[in-house]
Amino acid sequence: MSEAPTRRSEGGAEGPPSASPVRQMSLWAPPRSTRHSAARRRRGRAIAIAAAAAVLLGGAGAAAYWGLASGPGEEEAAGASVPDSFAGSWRGDMSQQDASGAHVTDWGAEVRLESGEERGSSEWYTLNCRGSLTLSERTGDGFVFDYVETYDPDDRCVDSSVLRLSPGAAEGTLEARWEAVSHDGTEMVSTGTLR
């Protein structure tokens, strides 16, 4: 029988062989050199500044395009609010037509707007529907509101539409134009005078 080989330790004593031929090896990576860190930081800053400049120039270009794309007399609704002349509760009858101009129905409308606000509410009381209005555009002396239905127990009204309001021919009136697409895809337009 042969004996297991032995190995002399540093002091000359024999002992069992070590499990690994590599001694005192670190399991952690050696520290990185910081010799080139400043150059990397400068390069990173230059890239960040270039990216920020591209974003700013792109935003300025988009704003310029948006301003040029708006037609004459149209303004952004941003910063716009309901003026005193449109504030109040307005009520009247609307006459609805389909896309070919054929009469569909007449219905009563009430629109409530507050001065200085960008939101309002509406009720189509003969149809038993209610909704919220959000100012989306100012066109000359008129305003465009997005309508979103909030109450319609009989499923008679559309979920969303556009309401255009402008000063009426007579003092103390507003001309209203309601535009929507019905549930079956038919384009509908209703017009009327609100007092």
N, C-alpha and C. Protein backbone atom coordinates (compact mmCIF):
# COMPACT_ATOMS: atom_id res chain seq x y z
N MET A 1 0.83 -1.17 0.00
CA MET A 1 0.00 0.00 0.00
C MET A 1 0.87 1.22 0.00
N SER A 2 0.51 2.15 -0.83
CA SER A 2 1.31 3.37 -0.85
C SER A 2 0.66 4.41 0.03
N GLU A 3 1.49 5.24 0.59
CA GLU A 3 0.95 6.29 1.45
C GLU A 3 0.67 7.53 0.62
N ALA A 4 -0.27 8.31 1.14
CA ALA A 4 -0.58 9.58 0.46
C ALA A 4 0.61 10.48 0.56
N PRO A 5 0.94 11.17 -0.50
CA PRO A 5 2.10 12.06 -0.44
C PRO A 5 1.88 13.15 0.59
N THR A 6 2.93 13.53 1.20
CA THR A 6 2.86 14.60 2.19
C THR A 6 3.63 15.78 1.67
N ARG A 7 3.40 16.89 2.25
CA ARG A 7 4.04 18.12 1.81
C ARG A 7 4.61 18.82 3.03
N ARG A 8 5.76 19.34 2.84
CA ARG A 8 6.39 20.04 3.96
C ARG A 8 5.79 21.44 4.05
N SER A 9 5.52 21.84 5.23
CA SER A 9 5.03 23.19 5.46
C SER A 9 6.21 24.12 5.58
N GLU A 10 5.95 25.39 5.76
CA GLU A 10 7.02 26.39 5.79
C GLU A 10 8.00 26.10 6.91
N GLY A 11 7.57 25.58 8.01
CA GLY A 11 8.47 25.32 9.13
C GLY A 11 9.19 24.00 9.00
N GLY A 12 8.98 23.28 7.94
CA GLY A 12 9.66 22.02 7.70
C GLY A 12 8.85 20.83 8.14
N ALA A 13 7.74 21.00 8.83
CA ALA A 13 6.93 19.87 9.27
C ALA A 13 6.10 19.38 8.11
N GLU A 14 5.89 18.06 8.11
CA GLU A 14 5.09 17.50 7.04
C GLU A 14 3.63 17.53 7.45
N GLY A 15 2.78 17.70 6.47
CA GLY A 15 1.35 17.72 6.73
C GLY A 15 0.59 17.29 5.49
N PRO A 16 -0.74 17.21 5.56
CA PRO A 16 -1.52 16.81 4.39
C PRO A 16 -1.40 17.85 3.30
N PRO A 17 -1.56 17.47 2.03
CA PRO A 17 -1.44 18.44 0.94
C PRO A 17 -2.57 19.45 1.01
N SER A 18 -2.34 20.66 0.52
CA SER A 18 -3.39 21.69 0.52
C SER A 18 -4.41 21.35 -0.56
N ALA A 19 -5.64 21.79 -0.36
CA ALA A 19 -6.72 21.46 -1.28
C ALA A 19 -6.55 22.14 -2.62
N SER A 20 -5.94 23.29 -2.67
CA SER A 20 -5.80 24.03 -3.91
C SER A 20 -4.35 24.40 -4.11
N PRO A 21 -3.85 24.25 -5.34
CA PRO A 21 -2.47 24.63 -5.56
C PRO A 21 -2.28 26.14 -5.55
N VAL A 22 -3.35 26.92 -5.67
CA VAL A 22 -3.24 28.38 -5.67
C VAL A 22 -3.51 28.85 -4.25
N ARG A 23 -2.58 29.57 -3.70
CA ARG A 23 -2.74 30.04 -2.33
C ARG A 23 -2.94 31.55 -2.31
N GLN A 24 -3.64 31.99 -1.30
CA GLN A 24 -3.86 33.40 -1.03
C GLN A 24 -4.39 34.15 -2.25
N MET A 25 -5.35 33.55 -2.89
CA MET A 25 -5.98 34.20 -4.04
C MET A 25 -7.22 34.94 -3.54
N SER A 26 -7.39 36.19 -3.94
CA SER A 26 -8.55 36.98 -3.53
C SER A 26 -9.76 36.62 -4.38
N LEU A 27 -10.92 36.57 -3.75
CA LEU A 27 -12.15 36.33 -4.48
C LEU A 27 -12.73 37.63 -5.03
N TRP A 28 -12.19 38.73 -4.67
CA TRP A 28 -12.68 40.05 -5.10
C TRP A 28 -11.80 40.60 -6.20
N ALA A 29 -12.41 41.32 -7.10
CA ALA A 29 -11.64 41.92 -8.20
C ALA A 29 -10.69 42.96 -7.64
N PRO A 30 -9.58 43.16 -8.27
CA PRO A 30 -8.65 44.19 -7.80
C PRO A 30 -9.26 45.57 -7.98
N PRO A 31 -8.85 46.54 -7.19
CA PRO A 31 -9.42 47.89 -7.33
C PRO A 31 -9.15 48.46 -8.71
N ARG A 32 -10.15 49.22 -9.23
CA ARG A 32 -10.02 49.81 -10.56
C ARG A 32 -9.15 51.05 -10.50
N SER A 33 -8.52 51.29 -11.56
CA SER A 33 -7.69 52.47 -11.66
C SER A 33 -8.59 53.69 -11.82
N THR A 34 -8.25 54.75 -11.16
CA THR A 34 -9.02 56.00 -11.28
C THR A 34 -8.29 56.98 -12.19
N ARG A 35 -7.30 56.49 -12.88
CA ARG A 35 -6.49 57.35 -13.72
C ARG A 35 -7.28 58.03 -14.83
N HIS A 36 -8.33 57.35 -15.38
CA HIS A 36 -9.08 57.90 -16.51
C HIS A 36 -10.50 58.32 -16.12
N SER A 37 -10.83 58.35 -14.84
CA SER A 37 -12.20 58.67 -14.39
C SER A 37 -12.61 60.09 -14.77
N ALA A 38 -11.71 61.05 -14.66
CA ALA A 38 -12.06 62.43 -14.97
C ALA A 38 -12.45 62.58 -16.43
N ALA A 39 -11.74 61.89 -17.32
CA ALA A 39 -12.07 61.96 -18.75
C ALA A 39 -13.45 61.37 -19.00
N ARG A 40 -13.78 60.26 -18.31
CA ARG A 40 -15.10 59.64 -18.47
C ARG A 40 -16.19 60.59 -17.99
N ARG A 41 -15.95 61.26 -16.85
CA ARG A 41 -16.95 62.21 -16.32
C ARG A 41 -17.17 63.36 -17.29
N ARG A 42 -16.09 63.89 -17.87
CA ARG A 42 -16.22 64.99 -18.83
C ARG A 42 -16.99 64.54 -20.06
N ARG A 43 -16.71 63.34 -20.55
CA ARG A 43 -17.41 62.81 -21.72
C ARG A 43 -18.90 62.62 -21.39
N GLY A 44 -19.20 62.10 -20.19
CA GLY A 44 -20.60 61.90 -19.78
C GLY A 44 -21.35 63.23 -19.69
N ARG A 45 -20.69 64.26 -19.13
CA ARG A 45 -21.31 65.58 -19.06
C ARG A 45 -21.57 66.16 -20.44
N ALA A 46 -20.62 65.99 -21.34
CA ALA A 46 -20.79 66.51 -22.70
C ALA A 46 -21.97 65.83 -23.39
N ILE A 47 -22.13 64.52 -23.18
CA ILE A 47 -23.26 63.80 -23.79
C ILE A 47 -24.57 64.28 -23.19
N ALA A 48 -24.61 64.47 -21.86
CA ALA A 48 -25.84 64.93 -21.20
C ALA A 48 -26.23 66.33 -21.68
N ILE A 49 -25.24 67.21 -21.84
CA ILE A 49 -25.53 68.57 -22.30
C ILE A 49 -26.04 68.54 -23.74
N ALA A 50 -25.43 67.71 -24.58
CA ALA A 50 -25.89 67.60 -25.97
C ALA A 50 -27.32 67.07 -26.04
N ALA A 51 -27.64 66.08 -25.21
CA ALA A 51 -29.00 65.53 -25.19
C ALA A 51 -30.01 66.58 -24.73
N ALA A 52 -29.65 67.34 -23.69
CA ALA A 52 -30.55 68.39 -23.20
C ALA A 52 -30.77 69.46 -24.27
N ALA A 53 -29.72 69.83 -24.97
CA ALA A 53 -29.86 70.83 -26.03
C ALA A 53 -30.77 70.31 -27.15
N ALA A 54 -30.63 69.02 -27.50
CA ALA A 54 -31.48 68.45 -28.55
C ALA A 54 -32.94 68.47 -28.13
N VAL A 55 -33.21 68.15 -26.84
CA VAL A 55 -34.59 68.16 -26.36
C VAL A 55 -35.16 69.58 -26.39
N LEU A 56 -34.37 70.56 -25.95
CA LEU A 56 -34.84 71.95 -25.96
C LEU A 56 -35.10 72.46 -27.37
N LEU A 57 -34.18 72.17 -28.28
CA LEU A 57 -34.38 72.60 -29.66
C LEU A 57 -35.58 71.91 -30.29
N GLY A 58 -35.74 70.62 -30.00
CA GLY A 58 -36.89 69.88 -30.52
C GLY A 58 -38.19 70.46 -29.99
N GLY A 59 -38.23 70.81 -28.68
CA GLY A 59 -39.43 71.40 -28.08
C GLY A 59 -39.73 72.76 -28.69
N ALA A 60 -38.69 73.57 -28.92
CA ALA A 60 -38.90 74.88 -29.53
C ALA A 60 -39.42 74.73 -30.95
N GLY A 61 -38.88 73.74 -31.67
CA GLY A 61 -39.34 73.50 -33.05
C GLY A 61 -40.79 73.05 -33.07
N ALA A 62 -41.15 72.17 -32.12
CA ALA A 62 -42.54 71.70 -32.06
C ALA A 62 -43.48 72.84 -31.71
N ALA A 63 -43.06 73.71 -30.78
CA ALA A 63 -43.90 74.85 -30.42
C ALA A 63 -44.07 75.79 -31.62
N ALA A 64 -43.00 76.02 -32.37
CA ALA A 64 -43.10 76.89 -33.54
C ALA A 64 -44.02 76.28 -34.59
N TYR A 65 -43.89 74.96 -34.79
CA TYR A 65 -44.77 74.29 -35.76
C TYR A 65 -46.22 74.38 -35.30
N TRP A 66 -46.47 74.14 -34.02
CA TRP A 66 -47.84 74.17 -33.49
C TRP A 66 -48.44 75.57 -33.70
N GLY A 67 -47.62 76.61 -33.45
CA GLY A 67 -48.11 77.97 -33.63
C GLY A 67 -48.42 78.27 -35.08
N LEU A 68 -47.60 77.77 -36.00
CA LEU A 68 -47.84 78.00 -37.42
C LEU A 68 -48.98 77.14 -37.95
N ALA A 69 -49.16 75.95 -37.37
CA ALA A 69 -50.20 75.04 -37.85
C ALA A 69 -51.60 75.52 -37.46
N SER A 70 -51.71 76.30 -36.38
CA SER A 70 -53.02 76.81 -35.99
C SER A 70 -53.48 77.80 -37.05
N GLY A 71 -54.71 77.68 -37.41
CA GLY A 71 -55.26 78.57 -38.42
C GLY A 71 -55.45 79.97 -37.89
N PRO A 72 -55.74 80.93 -38.74
CA PRO A 72 -55.94 82.30 -38.28
C PRO A 72 -57.14 82.37 -37.36
N GLY A 73 -56.98 83.11 -36.28
CA GLY A 73 -58.08 83.29 -35.33
C GLY A 73 -58.18 82.18 -34.31
N GLU A 74 -57.39 81.11 -34.44
CA GLU A 74 -57.43 80.03 -33.47
C GLU A 74 -56.35 80.23 -32.44
N GLU A 75 -56.68 79.96 -31.20
CA GLU A 75 -55.71 80.06 -30.12
C GLU A 75 -55.74 78.79 -29.32
N GLU A 76 -54.63 78.51 -28.68
CA GLU A 76 -54.58 77.37 -27.77
C GLU A 76 -55.50 77.67 -26.60
N ALA A 77 -56.11 76.62 -26.04
CA ALA A 77 -56.95 76.79 -24.86
C ALA A 77 -56.10 76.93 -23.61
N ALA A 78 -54.80 76.56 -23.71
CA ALA A 78 -53.93 76.65 -22.55
C ALA A 78 -53.93 78.09 -22.05
N GLY A 79 -54.23 78.24 -20.80
CA GLY A 79 -54.28 79.57 -20.21
C GLY A 79 -55.60 80.28 -20.45
N ALA A 80 -56.45 79.77 -21.34
CA ALA A 80 -57.76 80.37 -21.60
C ALA A 80 -58.75 79.87 -20.56
N SER A 81 -59.70 80.70 -20.27
CA SER A 81 -60.75 80.31 -19.34
C SER A 81 -62.04 81.00 -19.78
N VAL A 82 -63.12 80.61 -19.16
CA VAL A 82 -64.43 81.15 -19.52
C VAL A 82 -64.48 82.63 -19.12
N PRO A 83 -64.76 83.53 -20.08
CA PRO A 83 -64.88 84.95 -19.73
C PRO A 83 -66.23 85.25 -19.08
N ASP A 84 -66.34 86.42 -18.49
CA ASP A 84 -67.59 86.82 -17.82
C ASP A 84 -68.78 86.77 -18.77
N SER A 85 -68.55 87.12 -20.05
CA SER A 85 -69.67 87.16 -21.01
C SER A 85 -70.25 85.77 -21.30
N PHE A 86 -69.51 84.70 -21.01
CA PHE A 86 -70.00 83.34 -21.23
C PHE A 86 -70.42 82.66 -19.93
N ALA A 87 -70.12 83.28 -18.81
CA ALA A 87 -70.41 82.67 -17.51
C ALA A 87 -71.91 82.70 -17.23
N GLY A 88 -72.39 81.67 -16.55
CA GLY A 88 -73.78 81.61 -16.15
C GLY A 88 -74.43 80.30 -16.56
N SER A 89 -75.73 80.26 -16.40
CA SER A 89 -76.52 79.09 -16.79
C SER A 89 -77.30 79.46 -18.05
N TRP A 90 -77.09 78.72 -19.12
CA TRP A 90 -77.68 79.00 -20.42
C TRP A 90 -78.63 77.85 -20.78
N ARG A 91 -79.80 78.20 -21.28
CA ARG A 91 -80.81 77.19 -21.58
C ARG A 91 -81.46 77.48 -22.93
N GLY A 92 -81.80 76.43 -23.67
CA GLY A 92 -82.46 76.63 -24.96
C GLY A 92 -82.75 75.30 -25.64
N ASP A 93 -83.34 75.40 -26.83
CA ASP A 93 -83.70 74.20 -27.60
C ASP A 93 -82.69 73.99 -28.71
N MET A 94 -82.34 72.72 -28.92
CA MET A 94 -81.41 72.33 -29.98
C MET A 94 -82.18 71.53 -31.02
N SER A 95 -81.85 71.76 -32.28
CA SER A 95 -82.46 71.02 -33.38
C SER A 95 -81.38 70.12 -33.99
N GLN A 96 -81.64 68.82 -33.97
CA GLN A 96 -80.63 67.86 -34.41
C GLN A 96 -80.91 67.36 -35.83
N GLN A 97 -79.81 67.31 -36.63
CA GLN A 97 -79.87 66.80 -38.00
C GLN A 97 -78.82 65.71 -38.16
N ASP A 98 -79.06 64.83 -39.13
CA ASP A 98 -78.03 63.83 -39.44
C ASP A 98 -77.09 64.42 -40.50
N ALA A 99 -76.15 63.61 -40.98
CA ALA A 99 -75.13 64.10 -41.92
C ALA A 99 -75.73 64.61 -43.22
N SER A 100 -76.90 64.10 -43.63
CA SER A 100 -77.52 64.56 -44.88
C SER A 100 -78.38 65.80 -44.66
N GLY A 101 -78.50 66.27 -43.41
CA GLY A 101 -79.29 67.47 -43.11
C GLY A 101 -80.73 67.17 -42.76
N ALA A 102 -81.11 65.90 -42.68
CA ALA A 102 -82.48 65.54 -42.32
C ALA A 102 -82.71 65.73 -40.83
N HIS A 103 -83.86 66.30 -40.50
CA HIS A 103 -84.21 66.54 -39.10
C HIS A 103 -84.38 65.21 -38.36
N VAL A 104 -83.78 65.12 -37.17
CA VAL A 104 -83.86 63.91 -36.35
C VAL A 104 -84.76 64.14 -35.15
N THR A 105 -84.44 65.17 -34.36
CA THR A 105 -85.22 65.45 -33.16
C THR A 105 -84.87 66.83 -32.62
N ASP A 106 -85.70 67.33 -31.72
CA ASP A 106 -85.41 68.55 -30.98
C ASP A 106 -85.22 68.16 -29.52
N TRP A 107 -84.32 68.82 -28.84
CA TRP A 107 -84.08 68.50 -27.43
C TRP A 107 -83.65 69.75 -26.68
N GLY A 108 -83.92 69.76 -25.39
CA GLY A 108 -83.58 70.91 -24.55
C GLY A 108 -82.20 70.75 -23.94
N ALA A 109 -81.48 71.85 -23.89
CA ALA A 109 -80.12 71.83 -23.36
C ALA A 109 -79.94 72.92 -22.31
N GLU A 110 -79.14 72.61 -21.31
CA GLU A 110 -78.72 73.60 -20.33
C GLU A 110 -77.22 73.46 -20.14
N VAL A 111 -76.52 74.59 -20.22
CA VAL A 111 -75.07 74.62 -20.08
C VAL A 111 -74.74 75.57 -18.94
N ARG A 112 -73.88 75.11 -18.01
CA ARG A 112 -73.47 75.93 -16.88
C ARG A 112 -71.96 76.15 -16.93
N LEU A 113 -71.56 77.43 -16.96
CA LEU A 113 -70.15 77.81 -17.03
C LEU A 113 -69.85 78.84 -15.96
N GLU A 114 -68.66 78.76 -15.36
CA GLU A 114 -68.23 79.74 -14.35
C GLU A 114 -67.09 80.57 -14.90
N SER A 115 -67.13 81.85 -14.60
CA SER A 115 -66.11 82.77 -15.06
C SER A 115 -64.74 82.37 -14.51
N GLY A 116 -63.72 82.38 -15.38
CA GLY A 116 -62.36 82.08 -14.96
C GLY A 116 -62.06 80.59 -14.88
N GLU A 117 -63.03 79.74 -15.15
CA GLU A 117 -62.83 78.29 -15.07
C GLU A 117 -62.61 77.70 -16.47
N GLU A 118 -62.07 76.50 -16.53
CA GLU A 118 -61.88 75.80 -17.80
C GLU A 118 -62.84 74.63 -17.93
N ARG A 119 -63.72 74.46 -16.97
CA ARG A 119 -64.67 73.35 -16.98
C ARG A 119 -66.07 73.87 -16.72
N GLY A 120 -67.02 73.05 -17.13
CA GLY A 120 -68.42 73.37 -16.90
C GLY A 120 -69.22 72.08 -16.90
N SER A 121 -70.54 72.23 -16.95
CA SER A 121 -71.40 71.04 -17.01
C SER A 121 -72.56 71.31 -17.96
N SER A 122 -73.17 70.23 -18.39
CA SER A 122 -74.30 70.37 -19.30
C SER A 122 -75.34 69.31 -18.98
N GLU A 123 -76.55 69.63 -19.36
CA GLU A 123 -77.65 68.69 -19.19
C GLU A 123 -78.53 68.77 -20.42
N TRP A 124 -78.78 67.63 -21.02
CA TRP A 124 -79.71 67.55 -22.13
C TRP A 124 -81.01 67.06 -21.50
N TYR A 125 -81.77 67.98 -20.90
CA TYR A 125 -82.85 67.60 -20.00
C TYR A 125 -84.00 66.85 -20.64
N THR A 126 -84.31 67.06 -21.91
CA THR A 126 -85.39 66.28 -22.52
C THR A 126 -84.93 64.85 -22.85
N LEU A 127 -83.61 64.61 -22.88
CA LEU A 127 -83.07 63.27 -23.15
C LEU A 127 -82.62 62.57 -21.86
N ASN A 128 -82.67 63.28 -20.73
CA ASN A 128 -82.26 62.76 -19.42
C ASN A 128 -80.78 62.35 -19.42
N CYS A 129 -79.93 63.25 -19.93
CA CYS A 129 -78.48 63.01 -19.97
C CYS A 129 -77.75 64.19 -19.36
N ARG A 130 -76.62 63.90 -18.74
CA ARG A 130 -75.77 64.95 -18.18
C ARG A 130 -74.31 64.64 -18.51
N GLY A 131 -73.49 65.68 -18.52
CA GLY A 131 -72.07 65.47 -18.81
C GLY A 131 -71.22 66.63 -18.35
N SER A 132 -69.91 66.43 -18.43
CA SER A 132 -68.96 67.48 -18.06
C SER A 132 -68.43 68.13 -19.33
N LEU A 133 -68.07 69.39 -19.21
CA LEU A 133 -67.50 70.15 -20.33
C LEU A 133 -66.09 70.58 -19.95
N THR A 134 -65.15 70.42 -20.88
CA THR A 134 -63.78 70.86 -20.66
C THR A 134 -63.38 71.74 -21.83
N LEU A 135 -62.94 72.95 -21.52
CA LEU A 135 -62.52 73.89 -22.56
C LEU A 135 -61.32 73.33 -23.30
N SER A 136 -61.45 73.20 -24.62
CA SER A 136 -60.36 72.62 -25.41
C SER A 136 -59.75 73.60 -26.41
N GLU A 137 -60.50 74.64 -26.79
CA GLU A 137 -60.00 75.54 -27.85
C GLU A 137 -60.76 76.86 -27.79
N ARG A 138 -60.05 77.91 -28.16
CA ARG A 138 -60.70 79.21 -28.33
C ARG A 138 -60.59 79.57 -29.80
N THR A 139 -61.71 79.89 -30.42
CA THR A 139 -61.71 80.24 -31.85
C THR A 139 -62.30 81.63 -32.00
N GLY A 140 -61.45 82.61 -32.25
CA GLY A 140 -61.95 83.98 -32.38
C GLY A 140 -62.65 84.42 -31.11
N ASP A 141 -63.96 84.71 -31.22
CA ASP A 141 -64.71 85.12 -30.04
C ASP A 141 -65.52 83.96 -29.44
N GLY A 142 -65.29 82.74 -29.91
CA GLY A 142 -66.02 81.58 -29.41
C GLY A 142 -65.12 80.59 -28.69
N PHE A 143 -65.76 79.56 -28.15
CA PHE A 143 -65.05 78.53 -27.39
C PHE A 143 -65.53 77.15 -27.81
N VAL A 144 -64.63 76.18 -27.73
CA VAL A 144 -64.95 74.79 -28.02
C VAL A 144 -64.75 73.99 -26.74
N PHE A 145 -65.75 73.17 -26.41
CA PHE A 145 -65.69 72.34 -25.21
C PHE A 145 -65.82 70.87 -25.60
N ASP A 146 -65.04 70.02 -24.93
CA ASP A 146 -65.20 68.58 -25.07
C ASP A 146 -66.24 68.14 -24.05
N TYR A 147 -67.24 67.40 -24.52
CA TYR A 147 -68.30 66.90 -23.66
C TYR A 147 -68.04 65.42 -23.37
N VAL A 148 -68.13 65.03 -22.10
CA VAL A 148 -68.02 63.63 -21.71
C VAL A 148 -69.24 63.31 -20.85
N GLU A 149 -69.97 62.30 -21.27
CA GLU A 149 -71.20 61.91 -20.59
C GLU A 149 -70.90 61.38 -19.18
N THR A 150 -71.70 61.83 -18.19
CA THR A 150 -71.56 61.33 -16.83
C THR A 150 -72.83 60.65 -16.33
N TYR A 151 -73.95 60.85 -17.04
CA TYR A 151 -75.21 60.26 -16.60
C TYR A 151 -76.10 60.03 -17.82
N ASP A 152 -76.52 58.80 -18.03
CA ASP A 152 -77.38 58.44 -19.15
C ASP A 152 -78.06 57.10 -18.84
N PRO A 153 -79.05 57.09 -17.95
CA PRO A 153 -79.64 55.82 -17.53
C PRO A 153 -80.40 55.10 -18.65
N ASP A 154 -80.88 55.82 -19.65
CA ASP A 154 -81.66 55.20 -20.73
C ASP A 154 -80.82 54.91 -21.97
N ASP A 155 -79.52 55.19 -21.91
CA ASP A 155 -78.61 54.98 -23.04
C ASP A 155 -79.12 55.65 -24.31
N ARG A 156 -79.48 56.93 -24.17
CA ARG A 156 -80.02 57.69 -25.31
C ARG A 156 -79.02 58.68 -25.88
N CYS A 157 -77.95 58.97 -25.15
CA CYS A 157 -77.01 60.00 -25.58
C CYS A 157 -75.66 59.39 -25.93
N VAL A 158 -74.82 60.17 -26.57
CA VAL A 158 -73.49 59.70 -26.94
C VAL A 158 -72.54 59.90 -25.76
N ASP A 159 -71.46 59.11 -25.76
CA ASP A 159 -70.51 59.17 -24.65
C ASP A 159 -69.64 60.43 -24.68
N SER A 160 -69.33 60.90 -25.87
CA SER A 160 -68.50 62.10 -25.98
C SER A 160 -68.87 62.86 -27.24
N SER A 161 -68.66 64.17 -27.20
CA SER A 161 -68.98 65.03 -28.34
C SER A 161 -68.25 66.35 -28.18
N VAL A 162 -68.52 67.26 -29.08
CA VAL A 162 -67.92 68.60 -29.04
C VAL A 162 -69.04 69.62 -29.02
N LEU A 163 -68.91 70.62 -28.16
CA LEU A 163 -69.88 71.71 -28.07
C LEU A 163 -69.16 73.01 -28.39
N ARG A 164 -69.64 73.71 -29.43
CA ARG A 164 -69.06 75.00 -29.82
C ARG A 164 -70.02 76.10 -29.40
N LEU A 165 -69.50 77.08 -28.68
CA LEU A 165 -70.31 78.22 -28.25
C LEU A 165 -69.71 79.51 -28.77
N SER A 166 -70.58 80.41 -29.25
CA SER A 166 -70.14 81.72 -29.72
C SER A 166 -71.21 82.74 -29.34
N PRO A 167 -70.85 84.02 -29.29
CA PRO A 167 -71.85 85.04 -28.96
C PRO A 167 -73.01 85.01 -29.94
N GLY A 168 -74.22 85.15 -29.42
CA GLY A 168 -75.40 85.14 -30.26
C GLY A 168 -75.65 86.47 -30.95
N ALA A 169 -76.60 86.47 -31.89
CA ALA A 169 -76.95 87.69 -32.61
C ALA A 169 -77.58 88.71 -31.67
N ALA A 170 -78.41 88.24 -30.74
CA ALA A 170 -79.04 89.14 -29.76
C ALA A 170 -78.21 89.16 -28.49
N GLU A 171 -78.21 90.30 -27.82
CA GLU A 171 -77.46 90.42 -26.57
C GLU A 171 -78.00 89.43 -25.54
N GLY A 172 -77.10 88.83 -24.78
CA GLY A 172 -77.51 87.88 -23.75
C GLY A 172 -77.84 86.50 -24.29
N THR A 173 -77.33 86.17 -25.50
CA THR A 173 -77.56 84.84 -26.07
C THR A 173 -76.23 84.23 -26.52
N LEU A 174 -76.21 82.92 -26.62
CA LEU A 174 -75.08 82.19 -27.17
C LEU A 174 -75.59 81.28 -28.27
N GLU A 175 -74.85 81.20 -29.36
CA GLU A 175 -75.16 80.24 -30.41
C GLU A 175 -74.41 78.95 -30.07
N ALA A 176 -75.12 77.84 -30.08
CA ALA A 176 -74.53 76.55 -29.72
C ALA A 176 -74.54 75.61 -30.93
N ARG A 177 -73.46 74.87 -31.07
CA ARG A 177 -73.38 73.84 -32.12
C ARG A 177 -72.78 72.60 -31.45
N TRP A 178 -73.56 71.54 -31.43
CA TRP A 178 -73.17 70.28 -30.81
C TRP A 178 -72.88 69.29 -31.93
N GLU A 179 -71.68 68.68 -31.92
CA GLU A 179 -71.27 67.73 -32.96
C GLU A 179 -70.91 66.41 -32.32
N ALA A 180 -71.47 65.31 -32.87
CA ALA A 180 -71.21 63.99 -32.29
C ALA A 180 -71.41 62.91 -33.34
N VAL A 181 -70.99 61.71 -32.97
CA VAL A 181 -71.23 60.52 -33.78
C VAL A 181 -72.07 59.59 -32.93
N SER A 182 -73.20 59.15 -33.46
CA SER A 182 -74.11 58.29 -32.70
C SER A 182 -73.52 56.91 -32.49
N HIS A 183 -74.19 56.10 -31.67
CA HIS A 183 -73.72 54.75 -31.39
C HIS A 183 -73.60 53.89 -32.65
N ASP A 184 -74.43 54.18 -33.64
CA ASP A 184 -74.37 53.38 -34.88
C ASP A 184 -73.44 54.00 -35.93
N GLY A 185 -72.70 55.06 -35.55
CA GLY A 185 -71.72 55.66 -36.45
C GLY A 185 -72.23 56.80 -37.29
N THR A 186 -73.47 57.26 -37.05
CA THR A 186 -74.04 58.36 -37.82
C THR A 186 -73.57 59.71 -37.25
N GLU A 187 -73.08 60.58 -38.13
CA GLU A 187 -72.66 61.91 -37.69
C GLU A 187 -73.90 62.76 -37.44
N MET A 188 -73.92 63.43 -36.30
CA MET A 188 -75.06 64.26 -35.91
C MET A 188 -74.58 65.67 -35.58
N VAL A 189 -75.38 66.65 -35.97
CA VAL A 189 -75.11 68.04 -35.66
C VAL A 189 -76.40 68.65 -35.11
N SER A 190 -76.27 69.33 -33.98
CA SER A 190 -77.43 70.04 -33.42
C SER A 190 -77.05 71.49 -33.23
N THR A 191 -77.98 72.37 -33.55
CA THR A 191 -77.73 73.80 -33.40
C THR A 191 -78.89 74.43 -32.64
N GLY A 192 -78.60 75.54 -31.97
CA GLY A 192 -79.64 76.22 -31.24
C GLY A 192 -79.11 77.48 -30.59
N THR A 193 -80.02 78.25 -30.02
CA THR A 193 -79.68 79.48 -29.31
C THR A 193 -79.98 79.28 -27.84
N LEU A 194 -78.99 79.61 -27.01
CA LEU A 194 -79.12 79.48 -25.56
C LEU A 194 -79.25 80.87 -24.96
N ARG A 195 -80.14 80.98 -23.96
CA ARG A 195 -80.37 82.28 -23.29
C ARG A 195 -80.10 82.15 -21.82
